[in-house]
């Protein structure tokens, strides 16, 4: 590893030693941060897998229910029913902190479901379809929020790993080599000074 291109002086030695101490401490802190982020990332990935499984199960129930309704009452009537049913969904943002990082999740506040059977010419099938798709909407919203968090955590892990590698492979070794170089030069100068002083004393004594 190449040393820093600085003059081998005592002041520079102190400066490089201080930089080395800061870099070493920073490396330890970043390594701890990386480990925490990786643990949180794996935990969130597990949540995504569970939610994806729940979404698949919900889809397996929702779309057959819709298909059954279409077969029972016909596409035209399904479309009329759909236009006659109105719901308002409140979407809210909620801040969360994961691994020391701030994120925003999205929550969908579902309205109270109403039964539309025998009302405006609707059927029990429509109630089942709405129930299934209400559940699917909730799961998809949760999944979207968590996937966004997973993506941001992965990017932060990648960024932290780059910083850890830079300190470990370049900054710290370079500082260590520079300290060794300056110390060796200063020791050599000290030996030369001692030799010169001894020579002067010997001449004066002679």
Protein backbone atom coordinates (compact mmCIF):
# COMPACT_ATOMS: atom_id res chain seq x y z
CA UNK A 1 0.00 0.00 0.00
CA UNK A 2 1.46 3.38 -1.04
CA UNK A 3 2.02 5.91 1.73
CA UNK A 4 0.68 9.44 1.81
CA UNK A 5 2.77 12.00 -0.04
CA UNK A 6 3.64 14.26 2.92
CA UNK A 7 6.83 15.50 4.53
CA UNK A 8 8.21 13.22 7.30
CA UNK A 9 7.89 15.69 10.19
CA UNK A 10 6.78 15.27 13.80
CA UNK A 11 3.71 17.45 13.22
CA UNK A 12 2.67 15.36 10.22
CA UNK A 13 3.26 12.19 12.23
CA UNK A 14 0.87 13.41 14.93
CA UNK A 15 -1.68 14.40 12.29
CA UNK A 16 -1.53 11.03 10.53
CA UNK A 17 -1.78 9.15 13.84
CA UNK A 18 -4.87 11.16 14.71
CA UNK A 19 -6.35 10.45 11.29
CA UNK A 20 -5.56 6.75 11.75
CA UNK A 21 -7.31 6.69 15.13
CA UNK A 22 -10.39 8.41 13.67
CA UNK A 23 -10.43 6.08 10.66
CA UNK A 24 -10.13 2.99 12.87
CA UNK A 25 -12.96 4.15 15.11
CA UNK A 26 -15.04 5.03 12.06
CA UNK A 27 -14.40 1.58 10.61
CA UNK A 28 -15.63 -0.11 13.80
CA UNK A 29 -18.77 2.04 13.89
CA UNK A 30 -19.53 1.48 10.21
CA UNK A 31 -19.01 -2.25 10.59
CA UNK A 32 -21.50 -2.30 13.45
CA UNK A 33 -23.94 -0.26 11.37
CA UNK A 34 -23.54 -2.63 8.44
CA UNK A 35 -24.25 -5.66 10.62
CA UNK A 36 -27.38 -4.03 12.06
CA UNK A 37 -28.61 -3.03 8.61
CA UNK A 38 -28.03 -6.53 7.23
CA UNK A 39 -29.97 -8.06 10.13
CA UNK A 40 -32.86 -5.63 9.59
CA UNK A 41 -32.74 -6.23 5.84
CA UNK A 42 -33.00 -10.00 6.31
CA UNK A 43 -35.87 -9.52 8.75
CA UNK A 44 -37.75 -7.33 6.28
CA UNK A 45 -37.07 -9.77 3.43
CA UNK A 46 -38.69 -12.50 5.54
CA UNK A 47 -41.72 -10.24 6.02
CA UNK A 48 -41.92 -9.68 2.27
CA UNK A 49 -41.88 -13.44 1.66
CA UNK A 50 -44.69 -13.97 4.18
CA UNK A 51 -46.76 -11.15 2.68
CA UNK A 52 -46.19 -12.46 -0.84
CA UNK A 53 -47.48 -15.84 0.30
CA UNK A 54 -50.55 -14.15 1.84
CA UNK A 55 -51.13 -12.18 -1.37
CA UNK A 56 -50.97 -15.37 -3.43
CA UNK A 57 -53.50 -17.05 -1.14
CA UNK A 58 -55.78 -14.01 -1.30
CA UNK A 59 -55.56 -13.88 -5.11
CA UNK A 60 -56.45 -17.58 -5.24
CA UNK A 61 -59.73 -16.67 -3.50
CA UNK A 62 -60.44 -13.21 -4.92
CA UNK A 63 -60.26 -13.87 -8.64
CA UNK A 64 -62.26 -17.11 -8.57
CA UNK A 65 -64.92 -15.21 -6.58
CA UNK A 66 -64.97 -12.53 -9.27
CA UNK A 67 -65.09 -15.14 -12.01
CA UNK A 68 -67.96 -16.89 -10.27
CA UNK A 69 -69.84 -13.60 -9.99
CA UNK A 70 -69.31 -12.89 -13.69
CA UNK A 71 -70.62 -16.33 -14.59
CA UNK A 72 -73.61 -15.97 -12.25
CA UNK A 73 -74.91 -12.50 -13.09
CA UNK A 74 -73.10 -11.62 -16.31
CA UNK A 75 -70.52 -9.01 -17.19
CA UNK A 76 -72.98 -6.19 -17.90
CA UNK A 77 -74.67 -6.50 -14.54
CA UNK A 78 -71.30 -6.79 -12.75
CA UNK A 79 -70.28 -3.51 -14.38
CA UNK A 80 -73.52 -1.83 -13.28
CA UNK A 81 -73.02 -3.11 -9.73
CA UNK A 82 -69.46 -1.83 -9.72
CA UNK A 83 -70.63 1.65 -10.73
CA UNK A 84 -73.31 1.67 -8.05
CA UNK A 85 -70.91 0.82 -5.21
CA UNK A 86 -68.68 3.62 -3.94
CA UNK A 87 -66.05 3.47 -1.21
CA UNK A 88 -63.52 6.05 -0.06
CA UNK A 89 -60.11 4.78 1.02
CA UNK A 90 -57.95 6.90 3.30
CA UNK A 91 -54.25 6.46 2.55
CA UNK A 92 -51.95 7.78 5.27
CA UNK A 93 -48.20 7.97 5.65
CA UNK A 94 -46.57 6.80 8.86
CA UNK A 95 -42.90 7.37 9.79
CA UNK A 96 -40.94 4.39 11.09
CA UNK A 97 -37.31 3.94 12.18
CA UNK A 98 -35.51 0.76 11.16
CA UNK A 99 -31.81 0.23 11.82
CA UNK A 100 -31.42 3.88 12.76
CA UNK A 101 -32.87 5.01 9.42
CA UNK A 102 -36.13 6.85 8.92
CA UNK A 103 -38.69 5.46 6.50
CA UNK A 104 -42.26 6.21 5.54
CA UNK A 105 -44.84 3.45 5.34
CA UNK A 106 -48.26 3.66 3.75
CA UNK A 107 -51.39 2.55 5.56
CA UNK A 108 -54.77 2.13 3.92
CA UNK A 109 -57.70 2.79 6.19
CA UNK A 110 -60.47 0.66 4.80
CA UNK A 111 -64.05 1.89 5.20
CA UNK A 112 -66.63 -0.21 6.95
CA UNK A 113 -67.96 -2.68 4.44
CA UNK A 114 -71.64 -2.58 3.67
CA UNK A 115 -73.72 -5.48 2.46
CA UNK A 116 -75.27 -4.74 -0.89
CA UNK A 117 -77.23 -7.95 -1.29
CA UNK A 118 -80.76 -7.33 -2.57
CA UNK A 119 -79.94 -3.63 -2.91
CA UNK A 120 -79.84 -1.99 -6.31
CA UNK A 121 -80.11 -5.43 -7.85
CA UNK A 122 -76.89 -6.80 -6.36
CA UNK A 123 -76.21 -10.30 -5.14
CA UNK A 124 -74.41 -12.08 -2.28
CA UNK A 125 -71.61 -12.81 -4.74
CA UNK A 126 -70.79 -9.12 -4.90
CA UNK A 127 -70.32 -8.98 -1.14
CA UNK A 128 -67.87 -11.86 -1.25
CA UNK A 129 -65.94 -10.29 -4.13
CA UNK A 130 -65.66 -6.97 -2.27
CA UNK A 131 -64.52 -8.74 0.91
CA UNK A 132 -61.80 -10.62 -0.97
CA UNK A 133 -60.53 -7.55 -2.81
CA UNK A 134 -60.63 -5.44 0.37
CA UNK A 135 -58.26 -7.95 1.92
CA UNK A 136 -56.09 -8.00 -1.22
CA UNK A 137 -55.84 -4.20 -1.26
CA UNK A 138 -54.65 -4.18 2.35
CA UNK A 139 -52.00 -6.82 1.69
CA UNK A 140 -50.75 -5.16 -1.50
CA UNK A 141 -50.38 -1.82 0.29
CA UNK A 142 -48.37 -3.42 3.08
CA UNK A 143 -46.25 -5.28 0.56
CA UNK A 144 -45.51 -2.12 -1.44
CA UNK A 145 -44.41 -0.26 1.71
CA UNK A 146 -42.15 -3.06 2.92
CA UNK A 147 -40.62 -3.64 -0.50
CA UNK A 148 -39.72 0.06 -0.64
CA UNK A 149 -38.06 -0.22 2.78
CA UNK A 150 -36.18 -3.35 1.66
CA UNK A 151 -34.88 -1.54 -1.42
CA UNK A 152 -33.70 1.46 0.62
CA UNK A 153 -32.09 -0.77 3.24
CA UNK A 154 -30.27 -2.70 0.51
CA UNK A 155 -28.95 0.55 -0.97
CA UNK A 156 -27.79 1.71 2.48
CA UNK A 157 -26.06 -1.64 3.11
CA UNK A 158 -24.30 -1.30 -0.24
CA UNK A 159 -23.21 2.26 0.52
CA UNK A 160 -22.01 1.36 4.01
CA UNK A 161 -20.10 -1.64 2.66
CA UNK A 162 -18.29 0.60 0.16
CA UNK A 163 -17.25 2.94 2.97
CA UNK A 164 -16.11 0.01 5.13
CA UNK A 165 -14.06 -1.38 2.24
CA UNK A 166 -12.50 2.01 1.52
CA UNK A 167 -11.36 2.37 5.13
CA UNK A 168 -10.22 -1.24 5.42
CA UNK A 169 -8.44 -1.56 2.08
CA UNK A 170 -7.13 1.94 1.47
CA UNK A 171 -7.40 4.65 4.14
CA UNK A 172 -6.25 2.68 7.19
CA UNK A 173 -3.41 0.73 5.47
CA UNK A 174 -2.20 3.93 3.80
CA UNK A 175 -2.14 5.77 7.11
CA UNK A 176 -0.35 2.86 8.79
CA UNK A 177 2.33 2.81 6.09
CA UNK A 178 2.75 6.58 6.38
CA UNK A 179 3.20 6.35 10.17
CA UNK A 180 5.85 3.64 9.75
CA UNK A 181 7.65 5.67 7.10
CA UNK A 182 7.69 8.93 9.09
CA UNK A 183 8.75 7.14 12.29
CA UNK A 184 11.60 5.41 10.47
CA UNK A 185 12.78 8.71 8.93
CA UNK A 186 12.62 10.52 12.27
CA UNK A 187 14.50 7.68 14.00
CA UNK A 188 17.17 7.80 11.31
CA UNK A 189 17.47 11.58 11.77
CA UNK A 190 17.75 11.09 15.52
CA UNK A 191 20.56 8.58 15.07
CA UNK A 192 22.33 10.96 12.69
CA UNK A 193 22.01 13.80 15.21
CA UNK A 194 23.38 11.62 18.00
CA UNK A 195 26.30 10.60 15.80
CA UNK A 196 27.03 14.23 14.90
CA UNK A 197 26.91 15.30 18.57
CA UNK A 198 29.26 12.51 19.59
CA UNK A 199 31.64 13.48 16.82
CA UNK A 200 31.63 17.12 17.94
CA UNK A 201 32.24 16.12 21.56
CA UNK A 202 35.14 13.91 20.54
CA UNK A 203 36.71 16.72 18.54
CA UNK A 204 36.29 19.17 21.39
CA UNK A 205 37.76 16.66 23.83
CA UNK A 206 40.70 16.06 21.58
